[in-house]
Every structure is written in structure tokens, then in C-alpha cells.
Amino acid sequence: MTGWLDGKRALVVGGGSGIGRAVVDAFGAEGATIAVLERDRAKCERLRDELPAVAVVEGDATTRAANDRAVAAAVESFGGLDTLVNCVGVFDFYKGIDDIGADDLSAAFDEMFRTNVLSHLQSVKAALTALRAASVSSIVLTESTSAYYPGRGGVLYVPSKFAVRGLVTALAHDLAPLIRVNGVAPGGTLHTDLRGLASLGLDDVRLDDSPDRATDLAARTPLNVALSGADHAWSYVFLASDRSRGITGETIHPDGGFRLGAPK
């Protein structure tokens, strides 16, 4: 028996917790060698302790320098790179336009789009040379149910995820035929460390700490399921594998059927 990702050399940006960490675990289980870029020092130390075979780079994914170092670490450790995954994100806790003060709007916008959009572009830009040098390569970016339906985030989060949806389409067009680019659009997710905007004083607030979150998430979906990062991770595995070699510019929606409408 062989893994779906045997021989794959992956960089997971934002791989220290939540969906990103679940992707790291699933990729490892399927035979990939893995490097991680993670901003949080404690999460980096935990990864090094629990997964010593993973090449861990501490740094801010919104910056060119951190992404360049992460790609270099992957190439040095594994001899190349053929898979890039980005799971970086921040939330706005459903704040509408009336909930954000005029004096705070510019800083909140910059933080949201720098984190949720620029981080993806920076990681792709840094990885392009290595990905093009591989015989078969792919990129998987993290969208959200919010990229398709209003109400699953606020006035900043929703358009930031629409932007990632646009990146998937634009990059898939630009990078074909050498590199496939796809997205995963998870619904609400349990056991993540997704936090709010520091510019709005929400950086210590975790979405996963919401009361009765599992019950609420399940109630939104026709399948009546509250999904975790481990559930979502297998969509990334499929898109990174050669089994999806004919797929680019597409998105998988592990959301419990949310787009079908309210459960009966």
C-alpha cells in the first residue's frame, strides 16, 4: 500500500494549528515530506517536538522574507518543492459596516487583506521557481464558505475570501500548464485557533470559543455535521495528489452541504 502523496514535497503555510496542522498530519500520513511556515513561536516549538521530520520555519507569512526562507528550507531539506498549501487567515467576527468606526476602518482593512490575501500571494510568489522546476506541481489555497455566501463573516472577511477565490481562478489561468491551482472552501470549523483582527482589539478572541459552537455548526448544515480541520484536510490531500491531475481552477466545498440551503 502506498500513500496518495508518496514522493510529494510540500510546504504548508500556516501549518501550526487548526486546518493547517490537520493538513500537515494528513499529508504526513499519506507519505509527503513537509515544511511549515508558522508565525507563532510556541506552535513552531510544538511542531518540532511532535514532528521532528518536519522542517519548521518561524515567520510572518505576509512578508516576502519569511516565505523565501520557508521555500529555501523545503528545497534544502527535500531537494525541491512540488506542493504549496496556504491556510493563513484572520476573522472579523461578523462585524458589519456600522460596527467598525471610521477611524478604525483603514487599519482593519489593511490587516484583513494583508493576512488573508497578501499572505497567499507572497507564498505563491516565493515558491514559483521551485514549483516550476518540479515535473508535476500544484498549489492549494484556503477559501471559505464566506467566498460564496453572505452572512458567514463580516464586511471585511467576506470580501477577503472572495479575493482568495479570485486568486485561485487567476493563478490557475496564469500558471497552466505547469502548475495546477485549486481551492478548498471549508464551512465553519471546530478546533481552530482562528482569531480576530488586532486592529479591532480582537486578536485574543478565538472563534472556536463561541458557546455551543459544535451544535450551532451542525444545525446550519443539511448533513447535520460539525466538521473539524481533520475533516477538511482530505480535500487538500486529493487536490495535491496526482489523482486530481486534470483539475485546476476549481474548489472543493467541505461544508456539510451548506450551499444547499437550510436543513429541513
Protein backbone atom coordinates (compact mmCIF):
# COMPACT_ATOMS: atom_id res chain seq x y z
CA MET A 1 0.00 0.00 0.00
CA THR A 2 1.30 3.44 -0.90
CA GLY A 3 0.13 6.85 0.22
CA TRP A 4 -1.65 9.30 -2.03
CA LEU A 5 1.25 11.74 -1.62
CA ASP A 6 4.27 9.45 -1.70
CA GLY A 7 7.21 11.42 -3.04
CA LYS A 8 5.49 14.79 -2.72
CA ARG A 9 7.46 17.64 -1.14
CA ALA A 10 5.08 20.11 0.46
CA LEU A 11 5.21 23.50 2.12
CA VAL A 12 2.24 24.26 4.37
CA VAL A 13 1.99 27.95 5.20
CA GLY A 14 0.15 28.45 8.48
CA GLY A 15 0.65 24.83 9.48
CA GLY A 16 0.90 25.28 13.25
CA SER A 17 -2.73 24.80 14.23
CA GLY A 18 -6.28 24.30 13.00
CA ILE A 19 -6.78 23.33 9.37
CA GLY A 20 -3.11 23.89 8.58
CA ARG A 21 -1.94 21.48 11.26
CA ALA A 22 -4.53 18.94 10.15
CA VAL A 23 -3.16 19.24 6.61
CA VAL A 24 0.35 18.61 7.93
CA ASP A 25 -0.83 15.46 9.73
CA ALA A 26 -2.82 14.18 6.73
CA PHE A 27 0.00 14.87 4.27
CA GLY A 28 2.44 13.05 6.52
CA ALA A 29 0.11 10.09 6.82
CA GLU A 30 -0.10 9.93 3.01
CA GLY A 31 3.65 9.90 2.51
CA ALA A 32 4.63 13.53 1.86
CA THR A 33 7.69 15.24 3.24
CA ILE A 34 6.68 18.57 4.74
CA ALA A 35 7.98 22.02 5.60
CA VAL A 36 5.90 24.50 7.58
CA LEU A 37 5.90 28.28 7.83
CA GLU A 38 4.30 29.40 11.09
CA ARG A 39 4.29 32.78 12.85
CA ASP A 40 3.63 31.64 16.42
CA ARG A 41 6.79 30.56 18.26
CA ALA A 42 5.02 28.19 20.64
CA LYS A 43 3.33 26.43 17.73
CA CYS A 44 6.69 26.11 15.98
CA GLU A 45 8.22 24.54 19.07
CA ARG A 46 5.30 22.13 19.37
CA LEU A 47 5.70 21.06 15.75
CA ARG A 48 9.42 20.46 16.18
CA ASP A 49 8.77 18.40 19.29
CA GLU A 50 5.90 16.33 17.89
CA LEU A 51 7.03 16.02 14.25
CA PRO A 52 10.83 16.16 14.12
CA ALA A 53 10.89 15.20 10.43
CA VAL A 54 9.04 18.41 9.51
CA ALA A 55 11.18 21.41 8.57
CA VAL A 56 9.74 24.28 10.59
CA VAL A 57 10.38 27.94 9.79
CA GLU A 58 9.17 30.68 12.12
CA GLY A 59 8.00 33.81 10.35
CA ASP A 60 5.19 36.09 9.21
CA ALA A 61 3.55 34.72 6.06
CA THR A 62 2.57 38.20 4.90
CA THR A 63 6.24 39.01 4.26
CA ARG A 64 8.45 38.11 1.35
CA ALA A 65 11.40 37.26 3.60
CA ALA A 66 9.59 34.62 5.65
CA ASN A 67 8.19 32.89 2.58
CA ASP A 68 11.57 32.92 0.86
CA ARG A 69 13.13 31.29 3.93
CA ALA A 70 10.41 28.65 4.09
CA VAL A 71 10.78 27.73 0.43
CA ALA A 72 14.56 27.60 0.79
CA ALA A 73 14.21 25.30 3.82
CA ALA A 74 11.93 22.96 1.89
CA VAL A 75 14.23 22.81 -1.12
CA GLU A 76 17.31 22.32 1.06
CA SER A 77 15.64 19.62 3.15
CA PHE A 78 13.90 17.66 0.40
CA GLY A 79 15.68 18.58 -2.82
CA GLY A 80 12.76 20.50 -4.26
CA LEU A 81 9.15 21.54 -3.84
CA ASP A 82 6.08 20.39 -5.74
CA THR A 83 3.19 21.24 -3.43
CA LEU A 84 2.24 24.54 -1.78
CA VAL A 85 -0.65 24.92 0.65
CA ASN A 86 -1.68 28.17 2.35
CA CYS A 87 -4.02 28.08 5.37
CA VAL A 88 -3.36 31.55 6.82
CA GLY A 89 -6.35 33.61 7.92
CA VAL A 90 -7.90 36.02 10.40
CA PHE A 91 -11.58 36.71 11.17
CA ASP A 92 -13.73 39.81 11.76
CA PHE A 93 -16.43 38.25 13.98
CA TYR A 94 -19.27 39.22 11.67
CA LYS A 95 -18.76 42.97 12.05
CA GLY A 96 -20.83 44.95 9.58
CA ILE A 97 -20.01 48.37 8.22
CA ASP A 98 -21.90 50.04 11.07
CA ASP A 99 -19.86 48.09 13.63
CA ILE A 100 -16.48 49.46 12.57
CA GLY A 101 -15.56 53.02 13.49
CA ALA A 102 -14.48 55.33 10.71
CA ASP A 103 -11.13 55.82 12.41
CA ASP A 104 -10.55 52.05 12.55
CA LEU A 105 -11.66 51.07 9.06
CA SER A 106 -8.43 51.64 7.16
CA ALA A 107 -6.25 49.73 9.62
CA ALA A 108 -8.76 46.87 9.85
CA PHE A 109 -8.99 46.63 6.06
CA ASP A 110 -5.21 46.57 5.69
CA GLU A 111 -4.81 43.87 8.35
CA MET A 112 -7.57 41.70 6.90
CA PHE A 113 -6.39 41.80 3.30
CA ARG A 114 -2.71 41.62 4.21
CA THR A 115 -3.33 38.48 6.24
CA ASN A 116 -5.98 36.73 4.16
CA VAL A 117 -4.89 37.71 0.66
CA LEU A 118 -1.32 39.03 0.56
CA SER A 119 -0.03 36.03 2.53
CA HIS A 120 -1.31 33.76 -0.24
CA LEU A 121 0.29 35.86 -2.96
CA GLN A 122 3.60 36.05 -1.09
CA SER A 123 3.77 32.29 -0.63
CA VAL A 124 2.93 31.64 -4.29
CA LYS A 125 5.48 34.19 -5.50
CA ALA A 126 8.21 32.74 -3.31
CA ALA A 127 7.51 29.17 -4.42
CA LEU A 128 7.17 29.68 -8.18
CA THR A 129 10.75 28.88 -9.21
CA ALA A 130 10.81 25.67 -7.16
CA LEU A 131 7.34 24.62 -8.29
CA ARG A 132 8.20 25.19 -11.94
CA ALA A 133 11.33 23.07 -11.54
CA ALA A 134 9.24 20.09 -10.42
CA SER A 135 7.85 17.73 -13.03
CA VAL A 136 4.33 17.90 -11.55
CA SER A 137 3.28 20.58 -9.07
CA SER A 138 0.22 22.14 -7.51
CA ILE A 139 -0.99 24.91 -5.23
CA VAL A 140 -3.97 24.68 -2.86
CA LEU A 141 -5.31 27.89 -1.30
CA THR A 142 -7.83 28.19 1.50
CA GLU A 143 -11.05 29.93 0.57
CA SER A 144 -14.17 29.70 2.78
CA THR A 145 -17.90 29.24 2.57
CA SER A 146 -17.79 33.02 3.00
CA ALA A 147 -16.36 33.28 -0.52
CA TYR A 148 -19.73 32.14 -1.86
CA TYR A 149 -22.43 33.22 0.59
CA PRO A 150 -23.00 36.44 2.57
CA GLY A 151 -23.55 36.24 6.29
CA ARG A 152 -20.71 33.82 7.03
CA GLY A 153 -18.46 36.68 8.02
CA GLY A 154 -18.47 40.44 8.21
CA VAL A 155 -17.89 43.25 5.77
CA LEU A 156 -14.13 42.67 5.69
CA TYR A 157 -13.81 38.89 5.98
CA VAL A 158 -16.30 38.04 3.23
CA PRO A 159 -14.63 40.15 0.50
CA SER A 160 -11.18 38.94 1.57
CA LYS A 161 -12.29 35.38 0.93
CA PHE A 162 -13.90 36.40 -2.38
CA ALA A 163 -10.42 37.71 -3.22
CA VAL A 164 -8.82 34.33 -2.49
CA ARG A 165 -11.46 32.74 -4.70
CA GLY A 166 -10.34 35.14 -7.41
CA LEU A 167 -6.70 34.25 -6.83
CA VAL A 168 -7.46 30.58 -7.46
CA THR A 169 -9.03 31.43 -10.81
CA ALA A 170 -6.40 33.95 -11.90
CA LEU A 171 -3.41 31.86 -10.83
CA ALA A 172 -4.82 28.68 -12.37
CA HIS A 173 -5.11 30.52 -15.68
CA ASP A 174 -1.70 32.16 -15.45
CA LEU A 175 0.31 29.15 -14.24
CA ALA A 176 -1.13 26.45 -16.52
CA PRO A 177 0.06 24.07 -17.80
CA LEU A 178 2.99 23.67 -15.40
CA ILE A 179 1.23 24.29 -12.09
CA ARG A 180 -2.31 23.39 -11.05
CA VAL A 181 -4.07 25.80 -8.66
CA ASN A 182 -7.18 24.89 -6.69
CA GLY A 183 -9.02 25.94 -3.56
CA VAL A 184 -10.72 24.43 -0.55
CA ALA A 185 -13.70 26.33 0.87
CA PRO A 186 -14.39 24.94 4.34
CA GLY A 187 -17.56 25.70 6.22
CA GLY A 188 -17.43 26.56 9.92
CA THR A 189 -14.67 24.57 11.58
CA LEU A 190 -14.13 23.18 15.06
CA HIS A 191 -10.82 23.20 16.94
CA THR A 192 -9.09 26.04 15.11
CA ASP A 193 -7.14 28.97 16.51
CA LEU A 194 -8.80 31.43 14.13
CA ARG A 195 -8.73 34.83 15.84
CA GLY A 196 -9.99 38.34 15.29
CA LEU A 197 -8.29 41.45 13.99
CA ALA A 198 -5.70 43.04 16.26
CA SER A 199 -6.62 46.43 14.81
CA LEU A 200 -10.11 45.99 16.28
CA GLY A 201 -8.84 44.60 19.60
CA LEU A 202 -9.97 41.07 18.75
CA ASP A 203 -6.65 39.26 18.49
CA ASP A 204 -7.21 37.39 21.77
CA VAL A 205 -10.72 36.29 20.75
CA ARG A 206 -10.95 32.79 19.24
CA LEU A 207 -13.87 31.77 17.04
CA ASP A 208 -13.69 28.26 18.48
CA ASP A 209 -14.50 29.61 21.94
CA SER A 210 -18.03 30.56 20.91
CA PRO A 211 -20.57 28.82 23.20
CA ASP A 212 -22.33 25.74 21.79
CA ARG A 213 -20.28 26.04 18.61
CA ALA A 214 -20.50 22.38 17.61
CA THR A 215 -24.27 22.37 17.96
CA ASP A 216 -24.62 25.63 16.06
CA LEU A 217 -22.37 24.48 13.21
CA ALA A 218 -24.22 21.21 12.80
CA ALA A 219 -27.60 22.96 12.81
CA ARG A 220 -26.60 25.08 9.80
CA THR A 221 -25.93 22.11 7.51
CA PRO A 222 -28.21 19.62 5.76
CA LEU A 223 -25.86 16.82 6.85
CA ASN A 224 -26.07 17.97 10.49
CA VAL A 225 -22.30 17.77 10.91
CA ALA A 226 -19.80 19.96 12.73
CA LEU A 227 -16.56 19.47 10.81
CA SER A 228 -13.00 19.82 12.08
CA GLY A 229 -9.73 20.58 10.35
CA ALA A 230 -9.10 16.84 10.14
CA ASP A 231 -12.25 16.50 8.05
CA HIS A 232 -11.20 19.29 5.70
CA ALA A 233 -7.63 18.05 5.34
CA TRP A 234 -8.56 15.22 2.98
CA SER A 235 -9.79 17.71 0.39
CA TYR A 236 -6.27 19.17 0.37
CA VAL A 237 -4.80 15.68 0.07
CA PHE A 238 -6.90 14.95 -3.02
CA LEU A 239 -6.09 18.26 -4.73
CA ALA A 240 -2.36 17.85 -4.02
CA SER A 241 -2.32 14.28 -5.32
CA ASP A 242 -1.84 13.08 -8.88
CA ARG A 243 -5.38 11.68 -8.71
CA SER A 244 -6.57 15.23 -9.38
CA ARG A 245 -4.10 15.84 -12.22
CA GLY A 246 -6.87 17.02 -14.56
CA ILE A 247 -8.29 19.57 -12.13
CA THR A 248 -7.29 23.22 -11.93
CA GLY A 249 -9.12 26.44 -11.12
CA GLU A 250 -11.67 24.53 -9.05
CA THR A 251 -12.82 24.50 -5.43
CA ILE A 252 -13.87 21.70 -3.11
CA HIS A 253 -16.60 22.61 -0.59
CA PRO A 254 -16.38 20.57 2.62
CA ASP A 255 -19.24 22.43 4.28
CA GLY A 256 -21.83 19.82 5.17
CA GLY A 257 -23.98 20.84 2.23
CA PHE A 258 -24.34 24.43 3.42
CA ARG A 259 -24.86 25.71 -0.11
CA LEU A 260 -27.98 23.55 -0.47
CA GLY A 261 -29.85 25.77 1.96
CA ALA A 262 -31.21 25.44 5.46
CA PRO A 263 -31.74 21.88 6.71
CA LYS A 264 -35.30 20.56 6.81
